[in-house]
Amino acid sequence: MRGAPPAAVETVAAYVRSLPKAVRDVAKRVRAALRGALPDARETIRYKMPAYLVDGKSVVYFSVWKKHVGVYPVYPGSATFEAAVAAYRSGKDTVRFPLDRPVPYALIARVAKHQRSHAPGKAPAKTRSARTAVAVASPRRVPTRPQDSRDISRK
């Protein structure tokens, strides 16, 4: 098993059915976790793997491999979120849940909810950079002396 089934698979149900029996139950539970976390998402196949779309935009994908379940993409989040997924990070925006350990389905659902709030096309919450925050909080600087002696008014 290389991971994703052949291109002929057109539905998530067909994807799950095409998997070896050893990992089929895991795929069913991952699918249930994602559907629970994203009840209004549309399931489809993209890039030969299950994808969950909200408002026509991809939120999260998953793929079941021989030794792990991959969830993609997983954008960086809060320190608490990062601590939860740190042990599973496998690349910049990838998490892999090894199949030789219990799969954390609740964490997969949490990842889906996180991804929804960071979906492409969704404007991120406006935050001030540290530099902007300091500039706003600091009083305006007024020069104590002229920058150029020619600026001094002689009237």
N, C-alpha and C. Protein backbone atom coordinates (compact mmCIF):
# COMPACT_ATOMS: atom_id res chain seq x y z
N MET A 1 0.85 -1.18 0.00
CA MET A 1 0.00 0.00 0.00
C MET A 1 0.88 1.24 0.00
N ARG A 2 0.68 2.09 -0.94
CA ARG A 2 1.47 3.31 -1.04
C ARG A 2 0.80 4.47 -0.35
N GLY A 3 -0.46 4.40 -0.07
CA GLY A 3 -1.16 5.52 0.56
C GLY A 3 -2.46 5.78 -0.13
N ALA A 4 -2.47 6.73 -1.04
CA ALA A 4 -3.70 7.10 -1.73
C ALA A 4 -4.08 6.05 -2.75
N PRO A 5 -5.37 5.75 -2.88
CA PRO A 5 -5.81 4.78 -3.87
C PRO A 5 -5.72 5.35 -5.28
N PRO A 6 -5.99 4.53 -6.28
CA PRO A 6 -5.89 5.00 -7.67
C PRO A 6 -6.82 6.17 -7.97
N ALA A 7 -6.54 6.86 -9.05
CA ALA A 7 -7.31 8.04 -9.43
C ALA A 7 -8.78 7.73 -9.68
N ALA A 8 -9.12 6.47 -9.92
CA ALA A 8 -10.51 6.10 -10.23
C ALA A 8 -11.44 6.31 -9.03
N VAL A 9 -10.89 6.45 -7.84
CA VAL A 9 -11.71 6.66 -6.64
C VAL A 9 -12.28 8.07 -6.70
N GLU A 10 -13.61 8.16 -6.64
CA GLU A 10 -14.25 9.47 -6.79
C GLU A 10 -14.96 9.97 -5.55
N THR A 11 -15.15 9.11 -4.55
CA THR A 11 -15.82 9.54 -3.32
C THR A 11 -15.00 9.13 -2.12
N VAL A 12 -15.28 9.77 -1.00
CA VAL A 12 -14.56 9.42 0.23
C VAL A 12 -14.95 8.01 0.66
N ALA A 13 -16.20 7.64 0.50
CA ALA A 13 -16.63 6.28 0.84
C ALA A 13 -15.86 5.25 0.01
N ALA A 14 -15.67 5.53 -1.27
CA ALA A 14 -14.90 4.63 -2.13
C ALA A 14 -13.44 4.59 -1.71
N TYR A 15 -12.91 5.73 -1.30
CA TYR A 15 -11.53 5.78 -0.80
C TYR A 15 -11.38 4.84 0.39
N VAL A 16 -12.28 4.96 1.35
CA VAL A 16 -12.22 4.13 2.56
C VAL A 16 -12.35 2.65 2.18
N ARG A 17 -13.29 2.32 1.30
CA ARG A 17 -13.47 0.92 0.88
C ARG A 17 -12.24 0.38 0.17
N SER A 18 -11.49 1.24 -0.51
CA SER A 18 -10.33 0.78 -1.27
C SER A 18 -9.11 0.48 -0.40
N LEU A 19 -9.15 0.88 0.85
CA LEU A 19 -8.02 0.67 1.75
C LEU A 19 -7.96 -0.77 2.24
N PRO A 20 -6.76 -1.24 2.58
CA PRO A 20 -6.65 -2.58 3.17
C PRO A 20 -7.44 -2.65 4.48
N LYS A 21 -7.94 -3.81 4.76
CA LYS A 21 -8.78 -4.00 5.94
C LYS A 21 -8.08 -3.55 7.22
N ALA A 22 -6.77 -3.72 7.29
CA ALA A 22 -6.01 -3.37 8.49
C ALA A 22 -6.12 -1.89 8.87
N VAL A 23 -6.34 -1.03 7.89
CA VAL A 23 -6.40 0.41 8.18
C VAL A 23 -7.78 1.01 7.89
N ARG A 24 -8.69 0.22 7.39
CA ARG A 24 -10.01 0.73 7.01
C ARG A 24 -10.77 1.31 8.21
N ASP A 25 -10.72 0.63 9.35
CA ASP A 25 -11.43 1.15 10.53
C ASP A 25 -10.85 2.48 11.00
N VAL A 26 -9.53 2.62 10.91
CA VAL A 26 -8.90 3.89 11.27
C VAL A 26 -9.42 4.99 10.35
N ALA A 27 -9.47 4.71 9.05
CA ALA A 27 -9.96 5.70 8.09
C ALA A 27 -11.41 6.09 8.39
N LYS A 28 -12.23 5.12 8.75
CA LYS A 28 -13.63 5.41 9.09
C LYS A 28 -13.72 6.33 10.30
N ARG A 29 -12.88 6.08 11.29
CA ARG A 29 -12.92 6.91 12.50
C ARG A 29 -12.35 8.31 12.26
N VAL A 30 -11.32 8.41 11.42
CA VAL A 30 -10.79 9.73 11.06
C VAL A 30 -11.87 10.51 10.31
N ARG A 31 -12.53 9.84 9.38
CA ARG A 31 -13.62 10.48 8.62
C ARG A 31 -14.72 10.96 9.57
N ALA A 32 -15.10 10.13 10.52
CA ALA A 32 -16.14 10.52 11.48
C ALA A 32 -15.70 11.72 12.32
N ALA A 33 -14.44 11.73 12.73
CA ALA A 33 -13.92 12.86 13.53
C ALA A 33 -13.97 14.15 12.72
N LEU A 34 -13.57 14.08 11.45
CA LEU A 34 -13.57 15.27 10.60
C LEU A 34 -14.99 15.74 10.29
N ARG A 35 -15.88 14.80 10.05
CA ARG A 35 -17.27 15.17 9.77
C ARG A 35 -17.93 15.78 11.01
N GLY A 36 -17.58 15.28 12.18
CA GLY A 36 -18.11 15.86 13.42
C GLY A 36 -17.59 17.26 13.67
N ALA A 37 -16.31 17.48 13.34
CA ALA A 37 -15.70 18.80 13.56
C ALA A 37 -16.14 19.82 12.51
N LEU A 38 -16.45 19.34 11.31
CA LEU A 38 -16.83 20.22 10.20
C LEU A 38 -18.17 19.77 9.62
N PRO A 39 -19.25 19.89 10.38
CA PRO A 39 -20.53 19.33 9.93
C PRO A 39 -21.07 19.94 8.64
N ASP A 40 -20.69 21.17 8.33
CA ASP A 40 -21.19 21.79 7.10
C ASP A 40 -20.21 21.68 5.94
N ALA A 41 -19.12 20.93 6.13
CA ALA A 41 -18.13 20.76 5.07
C ALA A 41 -18.63 19.76 4.04
N ARG A 42 -18.17 19.96 2.81
CA ARG A 42 -18.47 19.02 1.73
C ARG A 42 -17.28 18.10 1.56
N GLU A 43 -17.54 16.80 1.55
CA GLU A 43 -16.48 15.82 1.34
C GLU A 43 -16.27 15.62 -0.16
N THR A 44 -15.03 15.53 -0.55
CA THR A 44 -14.70 15.26 -1.94
C THR A 44 -13.32 14.61 -1.99
N ILE A 45 -12.89 14.25 -3.17
CA ILE A 45 -11.54 13.72 -3.36
C ILE A 45 -10.75 14.76 -4.14
N ARG A 46 -9.62 15.14 -3.60
CA ARG A 46 -8.68 16.04 -4.28
C ARG A 46 -7.28 15.48 -4.04
N TYR A 47 -6.45 15.56 -5.04
CA TYR A 47 -5.08 15.04 -4.94
C TYR A 47 -5.10 13.57 -4.48
N LYS A 48 -6.10 12.82 -4.92
CA LYS A 48 -6.26 11.40 -4.61
C LYS A 48 -6.47 11.11 -3.13
N MET A 49 -6.95 12.09 -2.38
CA MET A 49 -7.23 11.86 -0.96
C MET A 49 -8.48 12.63 -0.55
N PRO A 50 -9.10 12.22 0.56
CA PRO A 50 -10.29 12.92 1.04
C PRO A 50 -9.97 14.37 1.40
N ALA A 51 -10.86 15.25 0.98
CA ALA A 51 -10.72 16.67 1.27
C ALA A 51 -12.04 17.17 1.82
N TYR A 52 -11.97 18.15 2.72
CA TYR A 52 -13.16 18.75 3.33
C TYR A 52 -13.17 20.22 2.95
N LEU A 53 -14.25 20.63 2.27
CA LEU A 53 -14.37 21.99 1.76
C LEU A 53 -15.48 22.73 2.50
N VAL A 54 -15.19 23.98 2.83
CA VAL A 54 -16.19 24.86 3.43
C VAL A 54 -16.26 26.09 2.52
N ASP A 55 -17.45 26.41 2.08
CA ASP A 55 -17.66 27.52 1.14
C ASP A 55 -16.80 27.36 -0.11
N GLY A 56 -16.63 26.12 -0.55
CA GLY A 56 -15.87 25.83 -1.76
C GLY A 56 -14.36 25.86 -1.59
N LYS A 57 -13.88 26.12 -0.40
CA LYS A 57 -12.43 26.20 -0.16
C LYS A 57 -11.97 25.01 0.68
N SER A 58 -10.83 24.45 0.31
CA SER A 58 -10.28 23.32 1.04
C SER A 58 -9.89 23.73 2.44
N VAL A 59 -10.30 22.93 3.41
CA VAL A 59 -9.95 23.19 4.80
C VAL A 59 -8.91 22.19 5.27
N VAL A 60 -9.16 20.91 5.03
CA VAL A 60 -8.24 19.88 5.50
C VAL A 60 -8.37 18.64 4.62
N TYR A 61 -7.27 17.90 4.52
CA TYR A 61 -7.20 16.64 3.78
C TYR A 61 -6.69 15.57 4.75
N PHE A 62 -6.98 14.31 4.42
CA PHE A 62 -6.32 13.24 5.15
C PHE A 62 -5.98 12.11 4.21
N SER A 63 -5.00 11.33 4.60
CA SER A 63 -4.58 10.18 3.81
C SER A 63 -4.12 9.10 4.78
N VAL A 64 -4.54 7.88 4.51
CA VAL A 64 -4.15 6.77 5.37
C VAL A 64 -3.05 6.00 4.65
N TRP A 65 -1.93 5.85 5.32
CA TRP A 65 -0.78 5.15 4.79
C TRP A 65 -0.59 3.85 5.55
N LYS A 66 0.43 3.14 5.18
CA LYS A 66 0.69 1.84 5.80
C LYS A 66 1.02 1.98 7.29
N LYS A 67 1.76 3.03 7.64
CA LYS A 67 2.21 3.19 9.02
C LYS A 67 1.69 4.43 9.73
N HIS A 68 0.94 5.28 9.03
CA HIS A 68 0.46 6.50 9.68
C HIS A 68 -0.76 7.07 8.96
N VAL A 69 -1.42 8.00 9.64
CA VAL A 69 -2.48 8.81 9.04
C VAL A 69 -1.89 10.21 8.90
N GLY A 70 -1.96 10.76 7.71
CA GLY A 70 -1.47 12.12 7.49
C GLY A 70 -2.64 13.08 7.41
N VAL A 71 -2.48 14.24 8.03
CA VAL A 71 -3.48 15.31 7.96
C VAL A 71 -2.76 16.54 7.44
N TYR A 72 -3.35 17.16 6.42
CA TYR A 72 -2.70 18.26 5.72
C TYR A 72 -3.71 19.36 5.39
N PRO A 73 -3.34 20.57 5.24
CA PRO A 73 -2.23 21.21 5.92
C PRO A 73 -2.63 21.50 7.35
N VAL A 74 -1.65 21.69 8.19
CA VAL A 74 -1.91 22.07 9.58
C VAL A 74 -1.06 23.32 9.84
N TYR A 75 -1.73 24.45 9.73
CA TYR A 75 -1.04 25.73 9.90
C TYR A 75 -0.68 25.97 11.36
N PRO A 76 0.38 26.72 11.62
CA PRO A 76 0.76 27.03 13.00
C PRO A 76 -0.38 27.72 13.75
N GLY A 77 -0.43 27.47 15.04
CA GLY A 77 -1.47 28.07 15.87
C GLY A 77 -0.91 28.58 17.17
N SER A 78 -1.78 28.67 18.15
CA SER A 78 -1.39 29.16 19.47
C SER A 78 -0.37 28.22 20.11
N ALA A 79 0.25 28.66 21.16
CA ALA A 79 1.22 27.83 21.87
C ALA A 79 0.57 26.55 22.38
N THR A 80 -0.65 26.64 22.85
CA THR A 80 -1.37 25.47 23.35
C THR A 80 -1.63 24.48 22.22
N PHE A 81 -2.07 25.00 21.07
CA PHE A 81 -2.32 24.14 19.91
C PHE A 81 -1.03 23.49 19.45
N GLU A 82 0.03 24.26 19.36
CA GLU A 82 1.32 23.73 18.91
C GLU A 82 1.84 22.65 19.85
N ALA A 83 1.64 22.84 21.15
CA ALA A 83 2.07 21.83 22.12
C ALA A 83 1.32 20.52 21.89
N ALA A 84 0.06 20.61 21.53
CA ALA A 84 -0.76 19.41 21.30
C ALA A 84 -0.33 18.65 20.06
N VAL A 85 0.09 19.36 19.01
CA VAL A 85 0.45 18.68 17.75
C VAL A 85 1.95 18.48 17.58
N ALA A 86 2.76 19.01 18.47
CA ALA A 86 4.22 18.98 18.31
C ALA A 86 4.78 17.58 18.10
N ALA A 87 4.29 16.62 18.84
CA ALA A 87 4.81 15.25 18.73
C ALA A 87 4.48 14.62 17.39
N TYR A 88 3.53 15.20 16.66
CA TYR A 88 3.09 14.62 15.40
C TYR A 88 3.52 15.43 14.17
N ARG A 89 4.14 16.58 14.38
CA ARG A 89 4.59 17.41 13.25
C ARG A 89 5.60 16.62 12.44
N SER A 90 5.42 16.66 11.12
CA SER A 90 6.31 15.91 10.25
C SER A 90 6.84 16.77 9.12
N GLY A 91 6.53 17.98 9.14
CA GLY A 91 6.94 18.92 8.11
C GLY A 91 6.32 20.25 8.44
N LYS A 92 6.51 21.20 7.58
CA LYS A 92 6.02 22.54 7.86
C LYS A 92 4.53 22.57 8.20
N ASP A 93 3.72 21.97 7.35
CA ASP A 93 2.26 22.02 7.55
C ASP A 93 1.64 20.63 7.58
N THR A 94 2.38 19.65 8.05
CA THR A 94 1.91 18.26 8.05
C THR A 94 1.97 17.67 9.45
N VAL A 95 0.96 16.89 9.78
CA VAL A 95 1.03 16.07 10.99
C VAL A 95 0.79 14.62 10.58
N ARG A 96 1.50 13.73 11.24
CA ARG A 96 1.37 12.30 10.99
C ARG A 96 1.10 11.60 12.31
N PHE A 97 0.04 10.81 12.31
CA PHE A 97 -0.33 10.05 13.49
C PHE A 97 0.05 8.59 13.25
N PRO A 98 1.09 8.09 13.93
CA PRO A 98 1.54 6.71 13.71
C PRO A 98 0.45 5.70 14.06
N LEU A 99 0.38 4.65 13.26
CA LEU A 99 -0.63 3.63 13.49
C LEU A 99 -0.20 2.58 14.51
N ASP A 100 1.05 2.66 14.98
CA ASP A 100 1.49 1.73 16.02
C ASP A 100 1.16 2.24 17.42
N ARG A 101 0.49 3.39 17.49
CA ARG A 101 0.00 3.96 18.75
C ARG A 101 -1.47 4.30 18.58
N PRO A 102 -2.20 4.50 19.68
CA PRO A 102 -3.61 4.89 19.54
C PRO A 102 -3.72 6.23 18.78
N VAL A 103 -4.58 6.27 17.80
CA VAL A 103 -4.78 7.48 17.00
C VAL A 103 -5.63 8.46 17.81
N PRO A 104 -5.16 9.70 18.00
CA PRO A 104 -5.92 10.69 18.79
C PRO A 104 -7.01 11.37 17.95
N TYR A 105 -8.15 10.71 17.84
CA TYR A 105 -9.24 11.22 16.99
C TYR A 105 -9.74 12.58 17.46
N ALA A 106 -9.75 12.81 18.76
CA ALA A 106 -10.19 14.11 19.28
C ALA A 106 -9.23 15.21 18.82
N LEU A 107 -7.94 14.90 18.76
CA LEU A 107 -6.96 15.88 18.28
C LEU A 107 -7.15 16.13 16.78
N ILE A 108 -7.48 15.10 16.03
CA ILE A 108 -7.74 15.28 14.60
C ILE A 108 -8.93 16.22 14.41
N ALA A 109 -9.97 16.06 15.22
CA ALA A 109 -11.12 16.96 15.16
C ALA A 109 -10.70 18.39 15.52
N ARG A 110 -9.85 18.52 16.53
CA ARG A 110 -9.36 19.84 16.94
C ARG A 110 -8.56 20.50 15.81
N VAL A 111 -7.74 19.69 15.12
CA VAL A 111 -6.97 20.20 13.99
C VAL A 111 -7.92 20.73 12.91
N ALA A 112 -8.98 19.98 12.63
CA ALA A 112 -9.95 20.41 11.61
C ALA A 112 -10.59 21.74 11.98
N LYS A 113 -10.97 21.89 13.23
CA LYS A 113 -11.57 23.16 13.68
C LYS A 113 -10.56 24.30 13.57
N HIS A 114 -9.31 24.01 13.92
CA HIS A 114 -8.25 25.01 13.81
C HIS A 114 -8.07 25.41 12.35
N GLN A 115 -8.05 24.42 11.46
CA GLN A 115 -7.86 24.70 10.04
C GLN A 115 -9.00 25.55 9.49
N ARG A 116 -10.19 25.28 9.97
CA ARG A 116 -11.34 26.05 9.49
C ARG A 116 -11.15 27.54 9.80
N SER A 117 -10.62 27.85 10.97
CA SER A 117 -10.42 29.25 11.33
C SER A 117 -9.24 29.87 10.60
N HIS A 118 -8.41 29.04 9.97
CA HIS A 118 -7.26 29.52 9.22
C HIS A 118 -7.37 29.18 7.73
N ALA A 119 -8.58 28.91 7.26
CA ALA A 119 -8.78 28.49 5.87
C ALA A 119 -8.38 29.59 4.90
N PRO A 120 -7.88 29.20 3.72
CA PRO A 120 -7.52 30.21 2.71
C PRO A 120 -8.73 31.08 2.38
N GLY A 121 -8.48 32.34 2.21
CA GLY A 121 -9.57 33.26 1.88
C GLY A 121 -10.24 33.86 3.09
N LYS A 122 -9.98 33.29 4.26
CA LYS A 122 -10.56 33.84 5.48
C LYS A 122 -9.56 34.84 6.04
N ALA A 123 -10.00 36.03 6.28
CA ALA A 123 -9.11 37.07 6.79
C ALA A 123 -8.71 36.72 8.22
N PRO A 124 -7.41 36.69 8.49
CA PRO A 124 -6.98 36.41 9.86
C PRO A 124 -7.36 37.56 10.79
N ALA A 125 -7.46 37.24 12.04
CA ALA A 125 -7.77 38.27 13.03
C ALA A 125 -6.67 39.32 12.99
N LYS A 126 -7.08 40.58 13.04
CA LYS A 126 -6.09 41.65 12.98
C LYS A 126 -5.39 41.77 14.33
N THR A 127 -4.09 41.71 14.27
CA THR A 127 -3.30 41.88 15.47
C THR A 127 -2.22 42.91 15.16
N ARG A 128 -1.78 43.57 16.17
CA ARG A 128 -0.71 44.55 15.99
C ARG A 128 0.63 43.87 16.19
N SER A 129 1.57 44.23 15.35
CA SER A 129 2.91 43.73 15.56
C SER A 129 3.48 44.42 16.80
N ALA A 130 4.53 43.87 17.33
CA ALA A 130 5.15 44.45 18.53
C ALA A 130 5.59 45.89 18.25
N ARG A 131 6.11 46.11 17.06
CA ARG A 131 6.59 47.45 16.71
C ARG A 131 5.42 48.44 16.66
N THR A 132 4.32 48.04 16.05
CA THR A 132 3.15 48.92 15.97
C THR A 132 2.58 49.17 17.35
N ALA A 133 2.50 48.13 18.17
CA ALA A 133 1.95 48.29 19.52
C ALA A 133 2.78 49.28 20.33
N VAL A 134 4.10 49.22 20.20
CA VAL A 134 4.96 50.14 20.93
C VAL A 134 4.76 51.56 20.40
N ALA A 135 4.68 51.70 19.08
CA ALA A 135 4.51 53.02 18.49
C ALA A 135 3.18 53.65 18.91
N VAL A 136 2.14 52.85 18.98
CA VAL A 136 0.83 53.37 19.38
C VAL A 136 0.83 53.73 20.86
N ALA A 137 1.48 52.91 21.67
CA ALA A 137 1.48 53.13 23.11
C ALA A 137 2.41 54.26 23.53
N SER A 138 3.42 54.55 22.72
CA SER A 138 4.39 55.58 23.08
C SER A 138 3.90 56.96 22.65
N PRO A 139 4.21 57.98 23.45
CA PRO A 139 3.85 59.33 23.03
C PRO A 139 4.68 59.73 21.82
N ARG A 140 4.17 60.67 21.05
CA ARG A 140 4.90 61.11 19.86
C ARG A 140 6.20 61.76 20.28
N ARG A 141 7.21 61.46 19.54
CA ARG A 141 8.50 62.07 19.82
C ARG A 141 8.55 63.43 19.14
N VAL A 142 8.92 64.41 19.92
CA VAL A 142 9.05 65.77 19.40
C VAL A 142 10.53 66.12 19.46
N PRO A 143 11.09 66.57 18.35
CA PRO A 143 12.51 66.90 18.37
C PRO A 143 12.79 68.00 19.38
N THR A 144 13.87 67.84 20.10
CA THR A 144 14.24 68.84 21.10
C THR A 144 15.08 69.95 20.49
N ARG A 145 15.65 69.69 19.37
CA ARG A 145 16.42 70.72 18.68
C ARG A 145 16.18 70.58 17.18
N PRO A 146 16.33 71.62 16.46
CA PRO A 146 16.11 71.55 15.01
C PRO A 146 17.13 70.63 14.37
N GLN A 147 16.68 69.94 13.32
CA GLN A 147 17.57 69.04 12.60
C GLN A 147 18.57 69.81 11.75
N ASP A 148 18.18 70.97 11.32
CA ASP A 148 19.04 71.76 10.45
C ASP A 148 18.91 73.22 10.89
N SER A 149 20.01 73.88 11.03
CA SER A 149 19.97 75.25 11.52
C SER A 149 19.20 76.17 10.57
N ARG A 150 19.07 75.81 9.30
CA ARG A 150 18.33 76.64 8.34
C ARG A 150 16.84 76.61 8.63
N ASP A 151 16.37 75.60 9.40
CA ASP A 151 14.94 75.49 9.70
C ASP A 151 14.51 76.47 10.78
N ILE A 152 15.45 77.11 11.43
CA ILE A 152 15.11 78.03 12.51
C ILE A 152 14.54 79.30 11.91
N SER A 153 13.43 79.64 12.38
CA SER A 153 12.76 80.84 11.89
C SER A 153 13.47 82.07 12.47
N ARG A 154 13.75 83.09 11.63
CA ARG A 154 14.47 84.28 12.09
C ARG A 154 13.54 85.47 12.13
N LYS A 155 12.33 85.26 12.29
CA LYS A 155 11.37 86.36 12.28
C LYS A 155 11.24 87.00 13.61
